[in-house]
Each structure stands twice: as structure tokens, then as C-alpha cells.
Amino acid sequence: MREMTRDETRGFLLEGTRTGKLATTRADGRPHVTPIWFVLDVPPLSPSQGFGFAATFGKAAVAAGDQVVWTTGETSLKAKAIRRDARVCMCVDDQTPPYSYVMIEGMATLSDDLDALRRWATIIGDRYMARSVPRSSAPERRAGGAARTRDADARARPG
């Protein structure tokens, strides 16, 4: 099976509303995997020119300048696990034949930038909800632990 090119990987991650499956490690060493909504931070979207991720969201490098961004609560198991052990793995798959996927492994970092959190939560919500829910109905979240993955290795397999 051949690997996807960077452009194919980016296109795959941006297509539709596929969820990512984010894996972290619990305090007792057991794996913890949860579905997440995410977007790519392509350089022109970055709210802070390279850093400044919101209080509950994460990033993982995919290709030069691209990173995956997600949100989570500051007291979530994901955030606690990332604070303890920054190693993460995310898989995004196409569940129709021929079953392609992208797997991203890297180190996550956390941030408590509430303005960036609001910006990224809006971008992510727009992707998955297609603006079907009025922004004013979205609950306010307090600062938490944004995650960003650096030094990530992405592997992508087309079907």
C-alpha cells in the first residue's frame, strides 16, 4: 500500500466531517481513545503566528506548517493525560471501502489562552455543525488546557 502525499493527506483530513480518534495514556498506563472534532491549522488561520492555542484545544503537525486542532475540557481525562504524558496519537479514517486512514503521532502541549479557544471552537463548530446552531446558543467554556502536538509524524494510507 502506498502512502498519501502531503496534499492528499491534507485533503483527506479536510474532507467532510470525519472525526479523529485521539489516543492518550491513563495514569495507570492503560490507553484512552476518544472521538474528537478537529480542524487543520494551516498557517493563514493561526491566531497567534505559531503559538497561542486555546484553553481546551489541541494541535498536531501534519505537514510543514499544518497542525491538527481540537478542543477538550480542562478537567477532561484527555487534558489530564496530556499534562502527565504529552505523547498522543490520532487516527482519522474513511469507513467506506477502500478504508483509507491518516495516523498522526506526536507530542501535545497545553495552553490556557481563552481568546484562542473561542476562535478555534467556533472554527471547529462551523466545520461539524455547518453553522446549524446559532453561536449565541453555544455554552461558554472556562479556560482549560488546549493541546497542540509538535514534532508529529503523520502516516497516511489511501485505500
C-alpha atoms as a PDB file:
ATOM      1  CA  MET A   1       0.000   0.000   0.000  1.00  0.00           C
ATOM      2  CA  ARG A   2       1.429   3.413  -0.921  1.00  0.00           C
ATOM      3  CA  GLU A   3       1.469   6.412   1.425  1.00  0.00           C
ATOM      4  CA  MET A   4      -0.531   9.561   0.645  1.00  0.00           C
ATOM      5  CA  THR A   5       1.304  12.677  -0.442  1.00  0.00           C
ATOM      6  CA  ARG A   6       1.173  15.764   1.795  1.00  0.00           C
ATOM      7  CA  ASP A   7      -1.532  17.279  -0.411  1.00  0.00           C
ATOM      8  CA  GLU A   8      -3.555  14.043  -0.323  1.00  0.00           C
ATOM      9  CA  THR A   9      -3.170  13.882   3.473  1.00  0.00           C
ATOM     10  CA  ARG A  10      -4.313  17.479   3.886  1.00  0.00           C
ATOM     11  CA  GLY A  11      -7.273  16.894   1.554  1.00  0.00           C
ATOM     12  CA  PHE A  12      -8.229  13.715   3.405  1.00  0.00           C
ATOM     13  CA  LEU A  13      -8.189  15.484   6.791  1.00  0.00           C
ATOM     14  CA  LEU A  14     -10.196  18.427   5.449  1.00  0.00           C
ATOM     15  CA  GLU A  15     -12.821  16.348   3.626  1.00  0.00           C
ATOM     16  CA  GLY A  16     -16.286  16.270   5.157  1.00  0.00           C
ATOM     17  CA  THR A  17     -16.756  15.837   8.876  1.00  0.00           C
ATOM     18  CA  ARG A  18     -14.676  12.794   9.709  1.00  0.00           C
ATOM     19  CA  THR A  19     -13.912  12.519  13.397  1.00  0.00           C
ATOM     20  CA  GLY A  20     -10.469  11.877  14.762  1.00  0.00           C
ATOM     21  CA  LYS A  21      -9.809   9.199  17.361  1.00  0.00           C
ATOM     22  CA  LEU A  22      -7.330  10.663  19.863  1.00  0.00           C
ATOM     23  CA  ALA A  23      -5.306   8.260  21.990  1.00  0.00           C
ATOM     24  CA  THR A  24      -3.668   9.276  25.264  1.00  0.00           C
ATOM     25  CA  THR A  25      -2.318   7.243  28.178  1.00  0.00           C
ATOM     26  CA  ARG A  26      -4.107   7.000  31.532  1.00  0.00           C
ATOM     27  CA  ALA A  27      -2.182   7.379  34.801  1.00  0.00           C
ATOM     28  CA  ASP A  28      -2.159   3.587  35.242  1.00  0.00           C
ATOM     29  CA  GLY A  29      -0.743   3.075  31.733  1.00  0.00           C
ATOM     30  CA  ARG A  30      -3.944   1.959  30.019  1.00  0.00           C
ATOM     31  CA  PRO A  31      -4.732   3.571  26.666  1.00  0.00           C
ATOM     32  CA  HIS A  32      -7.616   6.031  26.403  1.00  0.00           C
ATOM     33  CA  VAL A  33      -9.169   6.729  22.977  1.00  0.00           C
ATOM     34  CA  THR A  34     -11.894   9.290  22.339  1.00  0.00           C
ATOM     35  CA  PRO A  35     -13.524  10.653  19.186  1.00  0.00           C
ATOM     36  CA  ILE A  36     -12.789  14.321  18.584  1.00  0.00           C
ATOM     37  CA  TRP A  37     -13.850  17.054  16.209  1.00  0.00           C
ATOM     38  CA  PHE A  38     -10.853  18.789  14.679  1.00  0.00           C
ATOM     39  CA  VAL A  39      -9.644  21.203  12.029  1.00  0.00           C
ATOM     40  CA  LEU A  40      -6.301  21.869  10.405  1.00  0.00           C
ATOM     41  CA  ASP A  41      -4.418  24.989  11.381  1.00  0.00           C
ATOM     42  CA  VAL A  42      -2.972  25.998   8.064  1.00  0.00           C
ATOM     43  CA  PRO A  43      -0.585  28.959   8.529  1.00  0.00           C
ATOM     44  CA  PRO A  44      -3.017  31.710   7.416  1.00  0.00           C
ATOM     45  CA  LEU A  45      -5.588  30.578  10.040  1.00  0.00           C
ATOM     46  CA  SER A  46      -3.251  30.698  13.024  1.00  0.00           C
ATOM     47  CA  PRO A  47      -4.494  33.282  15.545  1.00  0.00           C
ATOM     48  CA  SER A  48      -1.061  33.812  17.026  1.00  0.00           C
ATOM     49  CA  GLN A  49       1.587  33.170  14.409  1.00  0.00           C
ATOM     50  CA  GLY A  50       2.766  29.822  15.703  1.00  0.00           C
ATOM     51  CA  PHE A  51       1.595  29.633  19.303  1.00  0.00           C
ATOM     52  CA  GLY A  52      -1.428  30.643  21.278  1.00  0.00           C
ATOM     53  CA  PHE A  53      -3.708  27.707  21.418  1.00  0.00           C
ATOM     54  CA  ALA A  54      -6.840  27.961  23.379  1.00  0.00           C
ATOM     55  CA  ALA A  55      -7.615  26.689  26.759  1.00  0.00           C
ATOM     56  CA  THR A  56      -9.054  23.475  25.564  1.00  0.00           C
ATOM     57  CA  PHE A  57      -7.832  22.507  22.199  1.00  0.00           C
ATOM     58  CA  GLY A  58      -5.035  20.578  20.639  1.00  0.00           C
ATOM     59  CA  LYS A  59      -2.724  20.612  17.672  1.00  0.00           C
ATOM     60  CA  ALA A  60      -0.627  18.058  15.842  1.00  0.00           C
ATOM     61  CA  ALA A  61       1.787  18.708  12.993  1.00  0.00           C
ATOM     62  CA  VAL A  62       0.738  17.081   9.731  1.00  0.00           C
ATOM     63  CA  ALA A  63       2.822  18.745   7.037  1.00  0.00           C
ATOM     64  CA  ALA A  64       5.102  21.751   7.109  1.00  0.00           C
ATOM     65  CA  GLY A  65       3.088  24.467   8.818  1.00  0.00           C
ATOM     66  CA  ASP A  66      -0.123  22.436   9.206  1.00  0.00           C
ATOM     67  CA  GLN A  67      -1.354  21.295  12.602  1.00  0.00           C
ATOM     68  CA  VAL A  68      -4.481  19.499  13.793  1.00  0.00           C
ATOM     69  CA  VAL A  69      -6.573  21.460  16.311  1.00  0.00           C
ATOM     70  CA  TRP A  70      -9.200  20.091  18.714  1.00  0.00           C
ATOM     71  CA  THR A  71     -10.941  21.194  21.917  1.00  0.00           C
ATOM     72  CA  THR A  72     -11.457  19.491  25.251  1.00  0.00           C
ATOM     73  CA  GLY A  73     -12.375  20.489  28.794  1.00  0.00           C
ATOM     74  CA  GLU A  74      -9.572  21.398  31.166  1.00  0.00           C
ATOM     75  CA  THR A  75     -10.605  18.646  33.597  1.00  0.00           C
ATOM     76  CA  SER A  76     -11.214  16.005  30.933  1.00  0.00           C
ATOM     77  CA  LEU A  77      -9.282  12.760  31.013  1.00  0.00           C
ATOM     78  CA  LYS A  78      -7.602  13.847  27.750  1.00  0.00           C
ATOM     79  CA  ALA A  79      -6.309  17.091  29.256  1.00  0.00           C
ATOM     80  CA  LYS A  80      -5.148  15.365  32.444  1.00  0.00           C
ATOM     81  CA  ALA A  81      -3.376  12.672  30.422  1.00  0.00           C
ATOM     82  CA  ILE A  82      -1.655  15.228  28.174  1.00  0.00           C
ATOM     83  CA  ARG A  83      -0.427  17.169  31.221  1.00  0.00           C
ATOM     84  CA  ARG A  84       1.092  13.966  32.585  1.00  0.00           C
ATOM     85  CA  ASP A  85       2.370  12.465  29.310  1.00  0.00           C
ATOM     86  CA  ALA A  86       2.324  14.617  26.190  1.00  0.00           C
ATOM     87  CA  ARG A  87       2.566  11.696  23.749  1.00  0.00           C
ATOM     88  CA  VAL A  88      -0.595  11.372  21.649  1.00  0.00           C
ATOM     89  CA  CYS A  89      -1.769   9.521  18.570  1.00  0.00           C
ATOM     90  CA  MET A  90      -4.739  10.406  16.389  1.00  0.00           C
ATOM     91  CA  CYS A  91      -6.302   8.317  13.647  1.00  0.00           C
ATOM     92  CA  VAL A  92      -8.786   9.656  11.089  1.00  0.00           C
ATOM     93  CA  ASP A  93     -10.333   7.054   8.838  1.00  0.00           C
ATOM     94  CA  ASP A  94     -12.728   6.711   5.946  1.00  0.00           C
ATOM     95  CA  GLN A  95     -15.170   3.989   6.954  1.00  0.00           C
ATOM     96  CA  THR A  96     -16.209   3.199   3.393  1.00  0.00           C
ATOM     97  CA  PRO A  97     -14.248   0.968   1.034  1.00  0.00           C
ATOM     98  CA  PRO A  98     -11.375   1.080   0.375  1.00  0.00           C
ATOM     99  CA  TYR A  99     -10.893   2.218   4.019  1.00  0.00           C
ATOM    100  CA  SER A 100      -8.198   4.896   3.869  1.00  0.00           C
ATOM    101  CA  TYR A 101      -6.768   6.486   7.003  1.00  0.00           C
ATOM    102  CA  VAL A 102      -4.303   9.039   8.364  1.00  0.00           C
ATOM    103  CA  MET A 103      -2.482   8.421  11.639  1.00  0.00           C
ATOM    104  CA  ILE A 104      -0.667  11.258  13.410  1.00  0.00           C
ATOM    105  CA  GLU A 105       1.685  10.718  16.350  1.00  0.00           C
ATOM    106  CA  GLY A 106       3.386  13.469  18.301  1.00  0.00           C
ATOM    107  CA  MET A 107       3.766  15.476  21.482  1.00  0.00           C
ATOM    108  CA  ALA A 108       0.883  17.629  22.716  1.00  0.00           C
ATOM    109  CA  THR A 109       1.185  20.878  24.612  1.00  0.00           C
ATOM    110  CA  LEU A 110      -1.488  22.725  26.575  1.00  0.00           C
ATOM    111  CA  SER A 111      -2.464  26.386  26.669  1.00  0.00           C
ATOM    112  CA  ASP A 112      -4.910  28.499  28.633  1.00  0.00           C
ATOM    113  CA  ASP A 113      -5.497  31.221  26.031  1.00  0.00           C
ATOM    114  CA  LEU A 114      -9.280  31.726  26.248  1.00  0.00           C
ATOM    115  CA  ASP A 115      -9.450  34.033  23.201  1.00  0.00           C
ATOM    116  CA  ALA A 116      -7.758  31.408  21.033  1.00  0.00           C
ATOM    117  CA  LEU A 117     -10.082  28.739  22.468  1.00  0.00           C
ATOM    118  CA  ARG A 118     -13.129  30.732  21.423  1.00  0.00           C
ATOM    119  CA  ARG A 119     -11.733  31.255  17.941  1.00  0.00           C
ATOM    120  CA  TRP A 120     -10.857  27.592  17.421  1.00  0.00           C
ATOM    121  CA  ALA A 121     -14.093  26.316  18.986  1.00  0.00           C
ATOM    122  CA  THR A 122     -16.011  28.488  16.513  1.00  0.00           C
ATOM    123  CA  ILE A 123     -13.988  27.220  13.546  1.00  0.00           C
ATOM    124  CA  ILE A 124     -14.393  23.593  14.648  1.00  0.00           C
ATOM    125  CA  GLY A 125     -18.107  24.040  15.379  1.00  0.00           C
ATOM    126  CA  ASP A 126     -18.623  25.611  11.965  1.00  0.00           C
ATOM    127  CA  ARG A 127     -16.988  22.619  10.293  1.00  0.00           C
ATOM    128  CA  TYR A 128     -19.069  19.972  12.050  1.00  0.00           C
ATOM    129  CA  MET A 129     -22.340  21.816  12.596  1.00  0.00           C
ATOM    130  CA  ALA A 130     -22.333  23.769   9.317  1.00  0.00           C
ATOM    131  CA  ARG A 131     -23.494  26.804  11.250  1.00  0.00           C
ATOM    132  CA  SER A 132     -26.750  24.991  12.030  1.00  0.00           C
ATOM    133  CA  VAL A 133     -26.668  26.073  15.667  1.00  0.00           C
ATOM    134  CA  PRO A 134     -26.689  29.801  16.467  1.00  0.00           C
ATOM    135  CA  ARG A 135     -23.397  30.850  18.040  1.00  0.00           C
ATOM    136  CA  SER A 136     -25.242  32.505  20.913  1.00  0.00           C
ATOM    137  CA  SER A 137     -26.540  29.074  21.971  1.00  0.00           C
ATOM    138  CA  ALA A 138     -23.042  27.630  22.342  1.00  0.00           C
ATOM    139  CA  PRO A 139     -22.079  27.236  26.001  1.00  0.00           C
ATOM    140  CA  GLU A 140     -19.205  29.319  27.365  1.00  0.00           C
ATOM    141  CA  ARG A 141     -16.231  27.280  28.499  1.00  0.00           C
ATOM    142  CA  ARG A 142     -13.749  28.410  31.075  1.00  0.00           C
ATOM    143  CA  ALA A 143     -10.039  28.252  30.444  1.00  0.00           C
ATOM    144  CA  GLY A 144      -8.696  24.758  30.466  1.00  0.00           C
ATOM    145  CA  GLY A 145      -5.868  23.044  28.656  1.00  0.00           C
ATOM    146  CA  ALA A 146      -5.508  23.477  24.980  1.00  0.00           C
ATOM    147  CA  ALA A 147      -3.391  20.842  23.390  1.00  0.00           C
ATOM    148  CA  ARG A 148      -1.106  21.234  20.456  1.00  0.00           C
ATOM    149  CA  THR A 149       1.031  18.465  19.083  1.00  0.00           C
ATOM    150  CA  ARG A 150       4.540  19.248  17.965  1.00  0.00           C
ATOM    151  CA  ASP A 151       7.182  17.099  16.297  1.00  0.00           C
ATOM    152  CA  ALA A 152       4.449  14.852  14.950  1.00  0.00           C
ATOM    153  CA  ASP A 153       4.814  12.078  12.424  1.00  0.00           C
ATOM    154  CA  ALA A 154       1.888  11.586  10.043  1.00  0.00           C
ATOM    155  CA  ARG A 155       1.343   8.333   8.166  1.00  0.00           C
ATOM    156  CA  ALA A 156      -1.405   8.168   5.594  1.00  0.00           C
ATOM    157  CA  ARG A 157      -2.655   5.190   3.631  1.00  0.00           C
ATOM    158  CA  PRO A 158      -5.027   5.534   0.705  1.00  0.00           C
ATOM    159  CA  GLY A 159      -7.468   2.740   0.072  1.00  0.00           C
END
